[in-house]
PDB file of all heavy atoms in Angstrom:
ATOM      1  N   HIS A   1     114.866-214.032 -64.050  1.00  0.00           N
ATOM      2  CA  HIS A   1     114.329-215.323 -64.335  1.00  0.00           C
ATOM      3  C   HIS A   1     114.643-216.333 -63.283  1.00  0.00           C
ATOM      4  O   HIS A   1     114.337-217.577 -63.365  1.00  0.00           O
ATOM      5  CB  HIS A   1     114.743-215.842 -65.753  1.00  0.00           C
ATOM      6  CG  HIS A   1     114.002-215.239 -66.878  1.00  0.00           C
ATOM      7  ND1 HIS A   1     114.259-213.925 -67.326  1.00  0.00           N
ATOM      8  CD2 HIS A   1     112.966-215.698 -67.651  1.00  0.00           C
ATOM      9  CE1 HIS A   1     113.465-213.651 -68.290  1.00  0.00           C
ATOM     10  NE2 HIS A   1     112.700-214.651 -68.554  1.00  0.00           N
ATOM     11  N   ARG A   2     115.387-215.931 -62.242  1.00  0.00           N
ATOM     12  CA  ARG A   2     115.738-216.792 -61.111  1.00  0.00           C
ATOM     13  C   ARG A   2     116.620-218.053 -61.516  1.00  0.00           C
ATOM     14  O   ARG A   2     116.420-219.150 -60.920  1.00  0.00           O
ATOM     15  CB  ARG A   2     114.573-217.285 -60.340  1.00  0.00           C
ATOM     16  CG  ARG A   2     113.834-216.181 -59.489  1.00  0.00           C
ATOM     17  CD  ARG A   2     112.885-215.381 -60.259  1.00  0.00           C
ATOM     18  NE  ARG A   2     111.855-214.720 -59.460  1.00  0.00           N
ATOM     19  CZ  ARG A   2     110.883-213.936 -60.022  1.00  0.00           C
ATOM     20  NH1 ARG A   2     110.793-213.779 -61.311  1.00  0.00           N
ATOM     21  NH2 ARG A   2     110.017-213.415 -59.221  1.00  0.00           N
ATOM     22  N   THR A   3     117.423-217.909 -62.547  1.00  0.00           N
ATOM     23  CA  THR A   3     118.230-219.031 -62.986  1.00  0.00           C
ATOM     24  C   THR A   3     119.631-218.947 -62.328  1.00  0.00           C
ATOM     25  O   THR A   3     120.424-219.877 -62.645  1.00  0.00           O
ATOM     26  CB  THR A   3     118.339-219.043 -64.504  1.00  0.00           C
ATOM     27  OG1 THR A   3     118.900-217.822 -65.004  1.00  0.00           O
ATOM     28  CG2 THR A   3     116.991-219.264 -65.142  1.00  0.00           C
ATOM     29  N   VAL A   4     119.881-218.007 -61.536  1.00  0.00           N
ATOM     30  CA  VAL A   4     121.151-217.807 -60.842  1.00  0.00           C
ATOM     31  C   VAL A   4     120.890-217.515 -59.363  1.00  0.00           C
ATOM     32  O   VAL A   4     119.836-217.039 -59.052  1.00  0.00           O
ATOM     33  CB  VAL A   4     122.144-216.785 -61.498  1.00  0.00           C
ATOM     34  CG1 VAL A   4     122.529-217.185 -62.921  1.00  0.00           C
ATOM     35  CG2 VAL A   4     121.391-215.423 -61.530  1.00  0.00           C
ATOM     36  N   THR A   5     121.866-217.760 -58.582  1.00  0.00           N
ATOM     37  CA  THR A   5     121.745-217.435 -57.187  1.00  0.00           C
ATOM     38  C   THR A   5     122.865-216.421 -56.749  1.00  0.00           C
ATOM     39  O   THR A   5     123.765-216.131 -57.573  1.00  0.00           O
ATOM     40  CB  THR A   5     122.023-218.673 -56.298  1.00  0.00           C
ATOM     41  OG1 THR A   5     123.279-219.286 -56.581  1.00  0.00           O
ATOM     42  CG2 THR A   5     120.884-219.702 -56.590  1.00  0.00           C
ATOM     43  N   ASP A   6     122.675-215.817 -55.541  1.00  0.00           N
ATOM     44  CA  ASP A   6     123.556-214.814 -55.173  1.00  0.00           C
ATOM     45  C   ASP A   6     124.988-215.357 -54.995  1.00  0.00           C
ATOM     46  O   ASP A   6     125.134-216.426 -54.303  1.00  0.00           O
ATOM     47  CB  ASP A   6     123.107-214.257 -53.768  1.00  0.00           C
ATOM     48  CG  ASP A   6     123.867-213.030 -53.333  1.00  0.00           C
ATOM     49  OD1 ASP A   6     125.097-213.161 -53.160  1.00  0.00           O
ATOM     50  OD2 ASP A   6     123.252-211.925 -53.262  1.00  0.00           O
ATOM     51  N   PRO A   7     126.000-214.821 -55.599  1.00  0.00           N
ATOM     52  CA  PRO A   7     127.335-215.350 -55.473  1.00  0.00           C
ATOM     53  C   PRO A   7     127.853-215.444 -54.036  1.00  0.00           C
ATOM     54  O   PRO A   7     128.729-216.229 -53.741  1.00  0.00           O
ATOM     55  CB  PRO A   7     128.188-214.387 -56.330  1.00  0.00           C
ATOM     56  CG  PRO A   7     127.231-213.697 -57.266  1.00  0.00           C
ATOM     57  CD  PRO A   7     125.993-213.579 -56.460  1.00  0.00           C
ATOM     58  N   ARG A   8     127.349-214.637 -53.139  1.00  0.00           N
ATOM     59  CA  ARG A   8     127.837-214.681 -51.762  1.00  0.00           C
ATOM     60  C   ARG A   8     126.842-215.388 -50.827  1.00  0.00           C
ATOM     61  O   ARG A   8     127.022-215.423 -49.655  1.00  0.00           O
ATOM     62  CB  ARG A   8     127.986-213.247 -51.282  1.00  0.00           C
ATOM     63  CG  ARG A   8     128.855-212.350 -52.229  1.00  0.00           C
ATOM     64  CD  ARG A   8     129.168-211.028 -51.619  1.00  0.00           C
ATOM     65  NE  ARG A   8     129.599-210.095 -52.651  1.00  0.00           N
ATOM     66  CZ  ARG A   8     130.158-208.905 -52.373  1.00  0.00           C
ATOM     67  NH1 ARG A   8     130.321-208.528 -51.186  1.00  0.00           N
ATOM     68  NH2 ARG A   8     130.474-208.101 -53.389  1.00  0.00           N
ATOM     69  N   GLY A   9     125.748-215.857 -51.345  1.00  0.00           N
ATOM     70  CA  GLY A   9     124.771-216.554 -50.525  1.00  0.00           C
ATOM     71  C   GLY A   9     123.885-215.605 -49.697  1.00  0.00           C
ATOM     72  O   GLY A   9     123.269-216.008 -48.746  1.00  0.00           O
ATOM     73  N   TRP A  10     123.788-214.327 -50.029  1.00  0.00           N
ATOM     74  CA  TRP A  10     123.129-213.390 -49.296  1.00  0.00           C
ATOM     75  C   TRP A  10     121.598-213.339 -49.725  1.00  0.00           C
ATOM     76  O   TRP A  10     121.177-214.061 -50.685  1.00  0.00           O
ATOM     77  CB  TRP A  10     123.697-212.036 -49.435  1.00  0.00           C
ATOM     78  CG  TRP A  10     125.021-211.896 -48.751  1.00  0.00           C
ATOM     79  CD1 TRP A  10     125.628-212.831 -47.954  1.00  0.00           C
ATOM     80  CD2 TRP A  10     125.959-210.852 -48.811  1.00  0.00           C
ATOM     81  NE1 TRP A  10     126.890-212.382 -47.509  1.00  0.00           N
ATOM     82  CE2 TRP A  10     127.042-211.192 -48.015  1.00  0.00           C
ATOM     83  CE3 TRP A  10     125.979-209.529 -49.458  1.00  0.00           C
ATOM     84  CZ2 TRP A  10     128.207-210.346 -47.832  1.00  0.00           C
ATOM     85  CZ3 TRP A  10     127.104-208.769 -49.278  1.00  0.00           C
ATOM     86  CH2 TRP A  10     128.170-209.101 -48.495  1.00  0.00           C
ATOM     87  N   VAL A  11     120.843-212.592 -48.989  1.00  0.00           N
ATOM     88  CA  VAL A  11     119.393-212.695 -49.120  1.00  0.00           C
ATOM     89  C   VAL A  11     118.840-212.252 -50.442  1.00  0.00           C
ATOM     90  O   VAL A  11     119.382-211.383 -51.126  1.00  0.00           O
ATOM     91  CB  VAL A  11     118.694-211.851 -47.950  1.00  0.00           C
ATOM     92  CG1 VAL A  11     118.815-210.321 -48.248  1.00  0.00           C
ATOM     93  CG2 VAL A  11     117.303-212.242 -47.788  1.00  0.00           C
ATOM     94  N   ARG A  12     117.809-212.888 -50.840  1.00  0.00           N
ATOM     95  CA  ARG A  12     116.950-212.513 -51.981  1.00  0.00           C
ATOM     96  C   ARG A  12     115.564-212.164 -51.572  1.00  0.00           C
ATOM     97  O   ARG A  12     115.007-212.954 -50.774  1.00  0.00           O
ATOM     98  CB  ARG A  12     116.890-213.705 -52.977  1.00  0.00           C
ATOM     99  CG  ARG A  12     116.041-213.520 -54.213  1.00  0.00           C
ATOM    100  CD  ARG A  12     115.693-214.824 -54.870  1.00  0.00           C
ATOM    101  NE  ARG A  12     114.923-215.728 -54.075  1.00  0.00           N
ATOM    102  CZ  ARG A  12     115.364-216.853 -53.532  1.00  0.00           C
ATOM    103  NH1 ARG A  12     116.561-217.271 -53.741  1.00  0.00           N
ATOM    104  NH2 ARG A  12     114.533-217.600 -52.803  1.00  0.00           N
ATOM    105  N   LEU A  13     115.103-210.974 -51.900  1.00  0.00           N
ATOM    106  CA  LEU A  13     113.688-210.655 -51.516  1.00  0.00           C
ATOM    107  C   LEU A  13     112.855-210.844 -52.787  1.00  0.00           C
ATOM    108  O   LEU A  13     113.077-210.200 -53.844  1.00  0.00           O
ATOM    109  CB  LEU A  13     113.603-209.179 -51.025  1.00  0.00           C
ATOM    110  CG  LEU A  13     114.471-208.789 -49.860  1.00  0.00           C
ATOM    111  CD1 LEU A  13     114.232-207.423 -49.504  1.00  0.00           C
ATOM    112  CD2 LEU A  13     114.201-209.768 -48.688  1.00  0.00           C
ATOM    113  N   ASP A  14     111.899-211.750 -52.704  1.00  0.00           N
ATOM    114  CA  ASP A  14     111.130-212.176 -53.861  1.00  0.00           C
ATOM    115  C   ASP A  14     109.810-212.617 -53.478  1.00  0.00           C
ATOM    116  O   ASP A  14     109.629-213.898 -53.196  1.00  0.00           O
ATOM    117  CB  ASP A  14     111.917-213.164 -54.686  1.00  0.00           C
ATOM    118  CG  ASP A  14     111.266-213.612 -56.004  1.00  0.00           C
ATOM    119  OD1 ASP A  14     110.241-213.069 -56.343  1.00  0.00           O
ATOM    120  OD2 ASP A  14     111.836-214.487 -56.587  1.00  0.00           O
ATOM    121  N   TRP A  15     108.745-211.780 -53.511  1.00  0.00           N
ATOM    122  CA  TRP A  15     107.461-212.267 -53.128  1.00  0.00           C
ATOM    123  C   TRP A  15     106.881-213.358 -54.074  1.00  0.00           C
ATOM    124  O   TRP A  15     106.028-214.090 -53.647  1.00  0.00           O
ATOM    125  CB  TRP A  15     106.467-211.075 -53.327  1.00  0.00           C
ATOM    126  CG  TRP A  15     106.490-210.074 -52.206  1.00  0.00           C
ATOM    127  CD1 TRP A  15     107.592-209.847 -51.332  1.00  0.00           C
ATOM    128  CD2 TRP A  15     105.467-209.172 -51.737  1.00  0.00           C
ATOM    129  NE1 TRP A  15     107.234-208.817 -50.429  1.00  0.00           N
ATOM    130  CE2 TRP A  15     105.976-208.417 -50.607  1.00  0.00           C
ATOM    131  CE3 TRP A  15     104.207-208.987 -52.164  1.00  0.00           C
ATOM    132  CZ2 TRP A  15     105.175-207.473 -50.024  1.00  0.00           C
ATOM    133  CZ3 TRP A  15     103.397-208.033 -51.559  1.00  0.00           C
ATOM    134  CH2 TRP A  15     103.859-207.244 -50.460  1.00  0.00           C
ATOM    135  N   ASP A  16     107.399-213.375 -55.281  1.00  0.00           N
ATOM    136  CA  ASP A  16     106.849-214.349 -56.239  1.00  0.00           C
ATOM    137  C   ASP A  16     107.706-215.485 -56.532  1.00  0.00           C
ATOM    138  O   ASP A  16     107.427-216.229 -57.510  1.00  0.00           O
ATOM    139  CB  ASP A  16     106.662-213.502 -57.552  1.00  0.00           C
ATOM    140  CG  ASP A  16     105.680-212.410 -57.417  1.00  0.00           C
ATOM    141  OD1 ASP A  16     104.496-212.696 -57.106  1.00  0.00           O
ATOM    142  OD2 ASP A  16     106.048-211.169 -57.493  1.00  0.00           O
ATOM    143  N   ARG A  17     108.563-215.803 -55.626  1.00  0.00           N
ATOM    144  CA  ARG A  17     109.500-216.956 -55.852  1.00  0.00           C
ATOM    145  C   ARG A  17     108.710-218.299 -55.985  1.00  0.00           C
ATOM    146  O   ARG A  17     109.186-219.139 -56.813  1.00  0.00           O
ATOM    147  CB  ARG A  17     110.552-217.085 -54.717  1.00  0.00           C
ATOM    148  CG  ARG A  17     109.857-217.389 -53.341  1.00  0.00           C
ATOM    149  CD  ARG A  17     110.846-217.198 -52.267  1.00  0.00           C
ATOM    150  NE  ARG A  17     110.190-217.444 -50.971  1.00  0.00           N
ATOM    151  CZ  ARG A  17     109.469-216.468 -50.350  1.00  0.00           C
ATOM    152  NH1 ARG A  17     109.274-215.291 -50.876  1.00  0.00           N
ATOM    153  NH2 ARG A  17     108.843-216.727 -49.246  1.00  0.00           N
ATOM    154  N   ALA A  18     107.572-218.398 -55.335  1.00  0.00           N
ATOM    155  CA  ALA A  18     106.803-219.637 -55.412  1.00  0.00           C
ATOM    156  C   ALA A  18     105.450-219.422 -56.113  1.00  0.00           C
ATOM    157  O   ALA A  18     104.498-220.253 -56.007  1.00  0.00           O
ATOM    158  CB  ALA A  18     106.651-220.244 -54.063  1.00  0.00           C
ATOM    159  N   ASN A  19     105.280-218.274 -56.792  1.00  0.00           N
ATOM    160  CA  ASN A  19     103.979-217.941 -57.331  1.00  0.00           C
ATOM    161  C   ASN A  19     103.722-218.867 -58.535  1.00  0.00           C
ATOM    162  O   ASN A  19     104.548-218.954 -59.411  1.00  0.00           O
ATOM    163  CB  ASN A  19     104.045-216.440 -57.827  1.00  0.00           C
ATOM    164  CG  ASN A  19     102.716-215.899 -58.170  1.00  0.00           C
ATOM    165  OD1 ASN A  19     101.785-216.677 -58.666  1.00  0.00           O
ATOM    166  ND2 ASN A  19     102.470-214.623 -57.914  1.00  0.00           N
ATOM    167  N   PRO A  20     102.554-219.523 -58.671  1.00  0.00           N
ATOM    168  CA  PRO A  20     102.232-220.299 -59.742  1.00  0.00           C
ATOM    169  C   PRO A  20     102.210-219.500 -61.119  1.00  0.00           C
ATOM    170  O   PRO A  20     102.392-220.127 -62.157  1.00  0.00           O
ATOM    171  CB  PRO A  20     100.808-220.846 -59.438  1.00  0.00           C
ATOM    172  CG  PRO A  20     100.711-220.757 -57.928  1.00  0.00           C
ATOM    173  CD  PRO A  20     101.547-219.541 -57.523  1.00  0.00           C
ATOM    174  N   ALA A  21     102.110-218.212 -61.036  1.00  0.00           N
ATOM    175  CA  ALA A  21     102.181-217.498 -62.303  1.00  0.00           C
ATOM    176  C   ALA A  21     103.454-217.649 -63.025  1.00  0.00           C
ATOM    177  O   ALA A  21     103.541-217.511 -64.220  1.00  0.00           O
ATOM    178  CB  ALA A  21     102.026-215.955 -61.922  1.00  0.00           C
ATOM    179  N   ARG A  22     104.525-218.081 -62.356  1.00  0.00           N
ATOM    180  CA  ARG A  22     105.854-218.226 -62.917  1.00  0.00           C
ATOM    181  C   ARG A  22     105.876-219.439 -63.759  1.00  0.00           C
ATOM    182  O   ARG A  22     106.849-219.604 -64.599  1.00  0.00           O
ATOM    183  CB  ARG A  22     106.922-218.221 -61.907  1.00  0.00           C
ATOM    184  CG  ARG A  22     107.060-216.916 -61.123  1.00  0.00           C
ATOM    185  CD  ARG A  22     108.358-216.855 -60.272  1.00  0.00           C
ATOM    186  NE  ARG A  22     109.430-217.174 -61.154  1.00  0.00           N
ATOM    187  CZ  ARG A  22     110.371-218.143 -60.883  1.00  0.00           C
ATOM    188  NH1 ARG A  22     110.232-218.842 -59.725  1.00  0.00           N
ATOM    189  NH2 ARG A  22     111.411-218.310 -61.642  1.00  0.00           N
ATOM    190  N   ARG A  23     104.871-220.279 -63.728  1.00  0.00           N
ATOM    191  CA  ARG A  23     104.861-221.524 -64.580  1.00  0.00           C
ATOM    192  C   ARG A  23     104.731-221.087 -66.046  1.00  0.00           C
ATOM    193  O   ARG A  23     105.178-221.719 -67.001  1.00  0.00           O
ATOM    194  CB  ARG A  23     103.704-222.415 -64.152  1.00  0.00           C
ATOM    195  CG  ARG A  23     103.902-223.036 -62.784  1.00  0.00           C
ATOM    196  CD  ARG A  23     102.765-223.762 -62.303  1.00  0.00           C
ATOM    197  NE  ARG A  23     102.847-224.211 -60.938  1.00  0.00           N
ATOM    198  CZ  ARG A  23     101.774-224.549 -60.125  1.00  0.00           C
ATOM    199  NH1 ARG A  23     100.575-224.672 -60.781  1.00  0.00           N
ATOM    200  NH2 ARG A  23     101.937-224.916 -58.925  1.00  0.00           N
ATOM    201  N   THR A  24     103.956-219.996 -66.294  1.00  0.00           N
ATOM    202  CA  THR A  24     103.724-219.512 -67.652  1.00  0.00           C
ATOM    203  C   THR A  24     104.536-218.244 -67.914  1.00  0.00           C
ATOM    204  O   THR A  24     104.718-217.945 -69.096  1.00  0.00           O
ATOM    205  CB  THR A  24     102.219-219.184 -67.843  1.00  0.00           C
ATOM    206  OG1 THR A  24     101.758-218.309 -66.873  1.00  0.00           O
ATOM    207  CG2 THR A  24     101.371-220.487 -67.768  1.00  0.00           C
ATOM    208  N   MET A  25     105.018-217.575 -66.956  1.00  0.00           N
ATOM    209  CA  MET A  25     105.786-216.317 -67.105  1.00  0.00           C
ATOM    210  C   MET A  25     106.909-216.426 -66.104  1.00  0.00           C
ATOM    211  O   MET A  25     106.778-215.819 -64.970  1.00  0.00           O
ATOM    212  CB  MET A  25     104.919-215.023 -66.946  1.00  0.00           C
ATOM    213  CG  MET A  25     105.636-213.771 -67.233  1.00  0.00           C
ATOM    214  SD  MET A  25     104.585-212.388 -67.058  1.00  0.00           S
ATOM    215  CE  MET A  25     103.418-212.578 -68.464  1.00  0.00           C
ATOM    216  N   PRO A  26     108.036-216.993 -66.455  1.00  0.00           N
ATOM    217  CA  PRO A  26     109.096-217.296 -65.478  1.00  0.00           C
ATOM    218  C   PRO A  26     109.617-215.993 -64.839  1.00  0.00           C
ATOM    219  O   PRO A  26     110.131-216.071 -63.693  1.00  0.00           O
ATOM    220  CB  PRO A  26     110.138-217.952 -66.267  1.00  0.00           C
ATOM    221  CG  PRO A  26     109.435-218.640 -67.375  1.00  0.00           C
ATOM    222  CD  PRO A  26     108.324-217.686 -67.690  1.00  0.00           C
ATOM    223  N   ALA A  27     109.628-214.896 -65.487  1.00  0.00           N
ATOM    224  CA  ALA A  27     110.120-213.642 -64.999  1.00  0.00           C
ATOM    225  C   ALA A  27     109.101-212.856 -64.123  1.00  0.00           C
ATOM    226  O   ALA A  27     109.415-211.809 -63.623  1.00  0.00           O
ATOM    227  CB  ALA A  27     110.676-212.752 -66.027  1.00  0.00           C
ATOM    228  N   TYR A  28     107.909-213.384 -64.000  1.00  0.00           N
ATOM    229  CA  TYR A  28     106.836-212.615 -63.230  1.00  0.00           C
ATOM    230  C   TYR A  28     107.364-212.153 -61.879  1.00  0.00           C
ATOM    231  O   TYR A  28     108.084-212.871 -61.144  1.00  0.00           O
ATOM    232  CB  TYR A  28     105.678-213.570 -62.960  1.00  0.00           C
ATOM    233  CG  TYR A  28     104.419-212.901 -62.342  1.00  0.00           C
ATOM    234  CD1 TYR A  28     103.534-212.340 -63.130  1.00  0.00           C
ATOM    235  CD2 TYR A  28     104.317-212.819 -60.954  1.00  0.00           C
ATOM    236  CE1 TYR A  28     102.418-211.666 -62.503  1.00  0.00           C
ATOM    237  CE2 TYR A  28     103.226-212.210 -60.403  1.00  0.00           C
ATOM    238  CZ  TYR A  28     102.271-211.621 -61.116  1.00  0.00           C
ATOM    239  OH  TYR A  28     101.266-210.996 -60.604  1.00  0.00           O
ATOM    240  N   PRO A  29     107.055-210.884 -61.602  1.00  0.00           N
ATOM    241  CA  PRO A  29     106.151-209.939 -62.140  1.00  0.00           C
ATOM    242  C   PRO A  29     106.677-209.048 -63.267  1.00  0.00           C
ATOM    243  O   PRO A  29     106.050-208.076 -63.758  1.00  0.00           O
ATOM    244  CB  PRO A  29     105.734-209.047 -61.010  1.00  0.00           C
ATOM    245  CG  PRO A  29     106.962-208.977 -60.200  1.00  0.00           C
ATOM    246  CD  PRO A  29     107.550-210.323 -60.319  1.00  0.00           C
ATOM    247  N   PHE A  30     107.954-209.372 -63.735  1.00  0.00           N
ATOM    248  CA  PHE A  30     108.466-208.704 -64.843  1.00  0.00           C
ATOM    249  C   PHE A  30     107.826-209.201 -66.143  1.00  0.00           C
ATOM    250  O   PHE A  30     107.525-210.420 -66.244  1.00  0.00           O
ATOM    251  CB  PHE A  30     110.015-208.808 -64.948  1.00  0.00           C
ATOM    252  CG  PHE A  30     110.677-208.267 -63.797  1.00  0.00           C
ATOM    253  CD1 PHE A  30     111.031-209.000 -62.709  1.00  0.00           C
ATOM    254  CD2 PHE A  30     111.213-206.940 -63.886  1.00  0.00           C
ATOM    255  CE1 PHE A  30     111.721-208.508 -61.615  1.00  0.00           C
ATOM    256  CE2 PHE A  30     111.903-206.444 -62.811  1.00  0.00           C
ATOM    257  CZ  PHE A  30     112.196-207.194 -61.626  1.00  0.00           C
ATOM    258  N   ALA A  31     107.754-208.371 -67.155  1.00  0.00           N
ATOM    259  CA  ALA A  31     107.356-208.810 -68.489  1.00  0.00           C
ATOM    260  C   ALA A  31     108.519-209.598 -69.031  1.00  0.00           C
ATOM    261  O   ALA A  31     109.638-209.334 -68.559  1.00  0.00           O
ATOM    262  CB  ALA A  31     106.938-207.704 -69.369  1.00  0.00           C
ATOM    263  N   PRO A  32     108.224-210.486 -69.985  1.00  0.00           N
ATOM    264  CA  PRO A  32     109.467-211.157 -70.577  1.00  0.00           C
ATOM    265  C   PRO A  32     110.488-210.152 -71.107  1.00  0.00           C
ATOM    266  O   PRO A  32     110.100-209.171 -71.824  1.00  0.00           O
ATOM    267  CB  PRO A  32     108.827-211.997 -71.723  1.00  0.00           C
ATOM    268  CG  PRO A  32     107.438-212.201 -71.252  1.00  0.00           C
ATOM    269  CD  PRO A  32     107.016-210.951 -70.498  1.00  0.00           C
ATOM    270  N   LEU A  33     111.714-210.251 -70.698  1.00  0.00           N
ATOM    271  CA  LEU A  33     112.753-209.295 -71.002  1.00  0.00           C
ATOM    272  C   LEU A  33     113.666-209.779 -72.156  1.00  0.00           C
ATOM    273  O   LEU A  33     114.238-210.831 -72.032  1.00  0.00           O
ATOM    274  CB  LEU A  33     113.586-208.940 -69.789  1.00  0.00           C
ATOM    275  CG  LEU A  33     112.787-208.305 -68.609  1.00  0.00           C
ATOM    276  CD1 LEU A  33     113.671-208.237 -67.337  1.00  0.00           C
ATOM    277  CD2 LEU A  33     112.298-206.923 -68.924  1.00  0.00           C
ATOM    278  N   ASP A  34     113.781-208.964 -73.138  1.00  0.00           N
ATOM    279  CA  ASP A  34     114.798-209.369 -74.168  1.00  0.00           C
ATOM    280  C   ASP A  34     116.061-208.577 -73.883  1.00  0.00           C
ATOM    281  O   ASP A  34     116.057-207.395 -73.878  1.00  0.00           O
ATOM    282  CB  ASP A  34     114.241-208.861 -75.511  1.00  0.00           C
ATOM    283  CG  ASP A  34     115.106-209.196 -76.694  1.00  0.00           C
ATOM    284  OD1 ASP A  34     116.306-209.441 -76.441  1.00  0.00           O
ATOM    285  OD2 ASP A  34     114.664-209.213 -77.883  1.00  0.00           O
ATOM    286  N   PRO A  35     117.082-209.280 -73.557  1.00  0.00           N
ATOM    287  CA  PRO A  35     118.323-208.630 -73.080  1.00  0.00           C
ATOM    288  C   PRO A  35     118.956-207.707 -74.143  1.00  0.00           C
ATOM    289  O   PRO A  35     119.718-206.826 -73.827  1.00  0.00           O
ATOM    290  CB  PRO A  35     119.246-209.757 -72.668  1.00  0.00           C
ATOM    291  CG  PRO A  35     118.725-211.011 -73.366  1.00  0.00           C
ATOM    292  CD  PRO A  35     117.245-210.797 -73.461  1.00  0.00           C
ATOM    293  N   THR A  36     118.632-207.959 -75.406  1.00  0.00           N
ATOM    294  CA  THR A  36     119.237-207.120 -76.470  1.00  0.00           C
ATOM    295  C   THR A  36     118.650-205.713 -76.526  1.00  0.00           C
ATOM    296  O   THR A  36     119.283-204.754 -77.064  1.00  0.00           O
ATOM    297  CB  THR A  36     119.084-207.775 -77.833  1.00  0.00           C
ATOM    298  OG1 THR A  36     117.684-207.907 -78.090  1.00  0.00           O
ATOM    299  CG2 THR A  36     119.745-209.191 -77.821  1.00  0.00           C
ATOM    300  N   ILE A  37     117.412-205.568 -75.972  1.00  0.00           N
ATOM    301  CA  ILE A  37     116.760-204.274 -76.016  1.00  0.00           C
ATOM    302  C   ILE A  37     116.601-203.621 -74.606  1.00  0.00           C
ATOM    303  O   ILE A  37     116.264-202.526 -74.510  1.00  0.00           O
ATOM    304  CB  ILE A  37     115.443-204.309 -76.749  1.00  0.00           C
ATOM    305  CG1 ILE A  37     114.394-205.138 -76.044  1.00  0.00           C
ATOM    306  CG2 ILE A  37     115.592-204.823 -78.174  1.00  0.00           C
ATOM    307  CD1 ILE A  37     113.006-205.058 -76.595  1.00  0.00           C
TER     308      ILE A  37
END
């Protein structure tokens, strides 16, 4: 969900970091993930 950053400040590869799709699906391209399952 991009709510945390790398603890060491190292690179993140993320084609969708600025994708407008994340406005409605913050985890895009992942489906919404329920951490309990």
